[in-house]
């Protein structure tokens, strides 16, 4: 469930490398911390959304006796 998003993220990072967008952002004053923090926030938002949707579906249909937060935490840490 995470493969398409991982592929898309890696594809974007590599395309930024080939178009030298990161170097142009660095010339405009953007720091490396802000650049990588934006990618971390992007991936965390995607990971949280996928984990939430999957845990809701799993808790409703499969794991009815399990606590939903344990399922969500497992999926979020897996992502």
N, C-alpha and C. Protein backbone atom coordinates (compact mmCIF):
# COMPACT_ATOMS: atom_id res chain seq x y z
N UNK A 1 0.81 -1.19 0.00
CA UNK A 1 0.00 0.00 0.00
C UNK A 1 0.86 1.26 0.00
N UNK A 2 2.12 1.13 0.38
CA UNK A 2 3.00 2.29 0.41
C UNK A 2 3.88 2.41 -0.84
N UNK A 3 3.93 1.39 -1.66
CA UNK A 3 4.83 1.38 -2.81
C UNK A 3 4.55 2.51 -3.81
N UNK A 4 3.29 2.78 -4.22
CA UNK A 4 3.09 3.87 -5.18
C UNK A 4 3.53 5.23 -4.65
N UNK A 5 3.29 5.48 -3.39
CA UNK A 5 3.67 6.77 -2.82
C UNK A 5 5.18 6.88 -2.65
N UNK A 6 5.81 5.79 -2.28
CA UNK A 6 7.27 5.77 -2.17
C UNK A 6 7.91 5.97 -3.54
N UNK A 7 7.38 5.29 -4.55
CA UNK A 7 7.89 5.46 -5.91
C UNK A 7 7.73 6.90 -6.37
N UNK A 8 6.57 7.50 -6.10
CA UNK A 8 6.31 8.88 -6.51
C UNK A 8 7.26 9.85 -5.81
N UNK A 9 7.50 9.63 -4.53
CA UNK A 9 8.41 10.51 -3.78
C UNK A 9 9.83 10.40 -4.30
N UNK A 10 10.29 9.18 -4.52
CA UNK A 10 11.65 8.99 -5.06
C UNK A 10 11.75 9.59 -6.45
N UNK A 11 10.72 9.43 -7.25
CA UNK A 11 10.71 10.01 -8.59
C UNK A 11 10.81 11.53 -8.53
N UNK A 12 10.10 12.16 -7.62
CA UNK A 12 10.16 13.62 -7.49
C UNK A 12 11.53 14.10 -7.02
N UNK A 13 12.13 13.39 -6.07
CA UNK A 13 13.45 13.78 -5.58
C UNK A 13 14.48 13.67 -6.70
N UNK A 14 14.42 12.59 -7.48
CA UNK A 14 15.37 12.40 -8.57
C UNK A 14 15.14 13.43 -9.68
N UNK A 15 13.88 13.74 -9.97
CA UNK A 15 13.62 14.74 -11.01
C UNK A 15 14.06 16.13 -10.56
N UNK A 16 13.95 16.42 -9.27
CA UNK A 16 14.48 17.69 -8.77
C UNK A 16 15.99 17.73 -8.90
N UNK A 17 16.62 16.58 -8.73
CA UNK A 17 18.08 16.50 -8.88
C UNK A 17 18.48 16.74 -10.34
N UNK A 18 17.72 16.16 -11.27
CA UNK A 18 18.09 16.30 -12.68
C UNK A 18 17.76 17.69 -13.22
N UNK A 19 16.73 18.35 -12.70
CA UNK A 19 16.40 19.70 -13.16
C UNK A 19 17.11 20.78 -12.37
N UNK A 20 17.87 20.37 -11.37
CA UNK A 20 18.63 21.28 -10.52
C UNK A 20 17.74 22.31 -9.82
N UNK A 21 16.53 21.89 -9.47
CA UNK A 21 15.62 22.78 -8.76
C UNK A 21 16.11 23.05 -7.35
N UNK A 22 16.74 22.05 -6.75
CA UNK A 22 17.24 22.22 -5.39
C UNK A 22 18.36 23.26 -5.34
N UNK A 23 19.24 23.24 -6.35
CA UNK A 23 20.31 24.23 -6.38
C UNK A 23 19.78 25.64 -6.59
N UNK A 24 18.72 25.78 -7.41
CA UNK A 24 18.14 27.11 -7.61
C UNK A 24 17.43 27.59 -6.35
N UNK A 25 16.81 26.66 -5.61
CA UNK A 25 16.20 27.06 -4.34
C UNK A 25 17.27 27.45 -3.33
N UNK A 26 18.39 26.77 -3.37
CA UNK A 26 19.50 27.11 -2.48
C UNK A 26 20.07 28.48 -2.82
N UNK A 27 20.14 28.84 -4.11
CA UNK A 27 20.62 30.17 -4.51
C UNK A 27 19.67 31.26 -4.07
N UNK A 28 18.39 30.93 -3.97
CA UNK A 28 17.40 31.91 -3.52
C UNK A 28 17.35 32.04 -2.00
N UNK A 29 18.13 31.20 -1.29
CA UNK A 29 18.22 31.34 0.14
C UNK A 29 17.58 30.25 0.96
N UNK A 30 17.09 29.21 0.33
CA UNK A 30 16.47 28.12 1.07
C UNK A 30 17.55 27.20 1.65
N UNK A 31 17.41 26.88 2.92
CA UNK A 31 18.41 26.04 3.57
C UNK A 31 18.11 24.56 3.32
N UNK A 32 19.12 23.72 3.54
CA UNK A 32 18.94 22.28 3.37
C UNK A 32 17.95 21.72 4.38
N UNK A 33 17.93 22.29 5.57
CA UNK A 33 17.01 21.82 6.61
C UNK A 33 15.57 22.04 6.18
N UNK A 34 15.27 23.20 5.61
CA UNK A 34 13.91 23.47 5.15
C UNK A 34 13.52 22.56 3.99
N UNK A 35 14.47 22.27 3.13
CA UNK A 35 14.20 21.39 1.99
C UNK A 35 13.84 19.98 2.46
N UNK A 36 14.68 19.40 3.31
CA UNK A 36 14.42 18.03 3.76
C UNK A 36 13.25 17.98 4.73
N UNK A 37 13.02 19.03 5.50
CA UNK A 37 11.87 19.07 6.40
C UNK A 37 10.56 19.07 5.60
N UNK A 38 10.56 19.73 4.45
CA UNK A 38 9.35 19.72 3.61
C UNK A 38 9.05 18.31 3.10
N UNK A 39 10.09 17.55 2.74
CA UNK A 39 9.87 16.18 2.30
C UNK A 39 9.42 15.30 3.46
N UNK A 40 9.94 15.51 4.65
CA UNK A 40 9.53 14.73 5.82
C UNK A 40 8.07 15.01 6.17
N UNK A 41 7.68 16.26 6.12
CA UNK A 41 6.29 16.62 6.41
C UNK A 41 5.35 16.04 5.35
N UNK A 42 5.78 16.09 4.10
CA UNK A 42 4.99 15.52 3.00
C UNK A 42 4.78 14.01 3.20
N UNK A 43 5.85 13.29 3.50
CA UNK A 43 5.74 11.85 3.68
C UNK A 43 4.95 11.51 4.95
N UNK A 44 5.10 12.29 6.01
CA UNK A 44 4.34 12.04 7.24
C UNK A 44 2.84 12.24 7.01
N UNK A 45 2.48 13.24 6.23
CA UNK A 45 1.06 13.47 5.94
C UNK A 45 0.48 12.30 5.13
N UNK A 46 1.22 11.84 4.15
CA UNK A 46 0.75 10.70 3.35
C UNK A 46 0.66 9.44 4.22
N UNK A 47 1.69 9.21 5.02
CA UNK A 47 1.73 8.03 5.89
C UNK A 47 0.58 8.05 6.89
N UNK A 48 0.31 9.19 7.48
CA UNK A 48 -0.78 9.31 8.45
C UNK A 48 -2.13 9.07 7.79
N UNK A 49 -2.33 9.60 6.60
CA UNK A 49 -3.58 9.39 5.89
C UNK A 49 -3.80 7.92 5.55
N UNK A 50 -2.78 7.27 5.02
CA UNK A 50 -2.91 5.85 4.66
C UNK A 50 -3.14 5.01 5.91
N UNK A 51 -2.39 5.27 6.98
CA UNK A 51 -2.54 4.49 8.20
C UNK A 51 -3.93 4.67 8.81
N UNK A 52 -4.46 5.87 8.74
CA UNK A 52 -5.79 6.14 9.29
C UNK A 52 -6.86 5.40 8.50
N UNK A 53 -6.80 5.50 7.19
CA UNK A 53 -7.81 4.84 6.36
C UNK A 53 -7.74 3.33 6.53
N UNK A 54 -6.54 2.78 6.51
CA UNK A 54 -6.39 1.33 6.64
C UNK A 54 -6.79 0.84 8.03
N UNK A 55 -6.46 1.59 9.07
CA UNK A 55 -6.84 1.14 10.41
C UNK A 55 -8.34 1.20 10.61
N UNK A 56 -9.01 2.19 10.04
CA UNK A 56 -10.47 2.24 10.14
C UNK A 56 -11.08 1.04 9.43
N UNK A 57 -10.60 0.76 8.22
CA UNK A 57 -11.14 -0.39 7.49
C UNK A 57 -10.85 -1.71 8.19
N UNK A 58 -9.63 -1.84 8.71
CA UNK A 58 -9.29 -3.09 9.40
C UNK A 58 -10.05 -3.26 10.70
N UNK A 59 -10.22 -2.19 11.46
CA UNK A 59 -10.94 -2.30 12.74
C UNK A 59 -12.43 -2.55 12.53
N UNK A 60 -12.99 -2.06 11.45
CA UNK A 60 -14.41 -2.30 11.19
C UNK A 60 -14.67 -3.70 10.66
N UNK A 61 -13.77 -4.21 9.84
CA UNK A 61 -14.04 -5.47 9.15
C UNK A 61 -13.26 -6.67 9.68
N UNK A 62 -12.04 -6.47 10.15
CA UNK A 62 -11.18 -7.61 10.47
C UNK A 62 -10.92 -7.72 11.97
N UNK A 63 -10.35 -6.68 12.56
CA UNK A 63 -9.93 -6.71 13.96
C UNK A 63 -10.95 -6.01 14.84
N UNK A 64 -12.11 -6.60 15.04
CA UNK A 64 -13.14 -5.93 15.82
C UNK A 64 -12.82 -5.92 17.31
N UNK A 65 -12.03 -6.87 17.79
CA UNK A 65 -11.71 -6.93 19.22
C UNK A 65 -10.46 -6.13 19.56
N UNK A 66 -9.70 -5.72 18.57
CA UNK A 66 -8.46 -4.97 18.82
C UNK A 66 -8.75 -3.49 19.04
N UNK A 67 -7.85 -2.87 19.76
CA UNK A 67 -7.94 -1.43 19.96
C UNK A 67 -7.47 -0.74 18.69
N UNK A 68 -8.19 0.26 18.22
CA UNK A 68 -7.89 0.90 16.94
C UNK A 68 -6.56 1.62 16.95
N UNK A 69 -6.15 2.16 18.11
CA UNK A 69 -4.89 2.90 18.15
C UNK A 69 -3.69 1.97 17.98
N UNK A 70 -3.78 0.75 18.49
CA UNK A 70 -2.69 -0.21 18.32
C UNK A 70 -2.52 -0.57 16.85
N UNK A 71 -3.63 -0.76 16.15
CA UNK A 71 -3.57 -1.06 14.72
C UNK A 71 -3.02 0.14 13.95
N UNK A 72 -3.51 1.34 14.28
CA UNK A 72 -3.03 2.54 13.61
C UNK A 72 -1.54 2.76 13.85
N UNK A 73 -1.10 2.58 15.09
CA UNK A 73 0.31 2.78 15.41
C UNK A 73 1.20 1.78 14.67
N UNK A 74 0.77 0.54 14.59
CA UNK A 74 1.53 -0.46 13.84
C UNK A 74 1.66 -0.07 12.38
N UNK A 75 0.54 0.33 11.75
CA UNK A 75 0.58 0.71 10.35
C UNK A 75 1.39 1.98 10.12
N UNK A 76 1.29 2.94 11.05
CA UNK A 76 2.04 4.18 10.90
C UNK A 76 3.54 3.95 11.04
N UNK A 77 3.92 3.11 12.00
CA UNK A 77 5.34 2.80 12.16
C UNK A 77 5.87 1.97 11.00
N UNK A 78 5.02 1.12 10.42
CA UNK A 78 5.42 0.35 9.25
C UNK A 78 5.71 1.26 8.07
N UNK A 79 4.88 2.30 7.92
CA UNK A 79 5.06 3.24 6.80
C UNK A 79 6.26 4.10 6.99
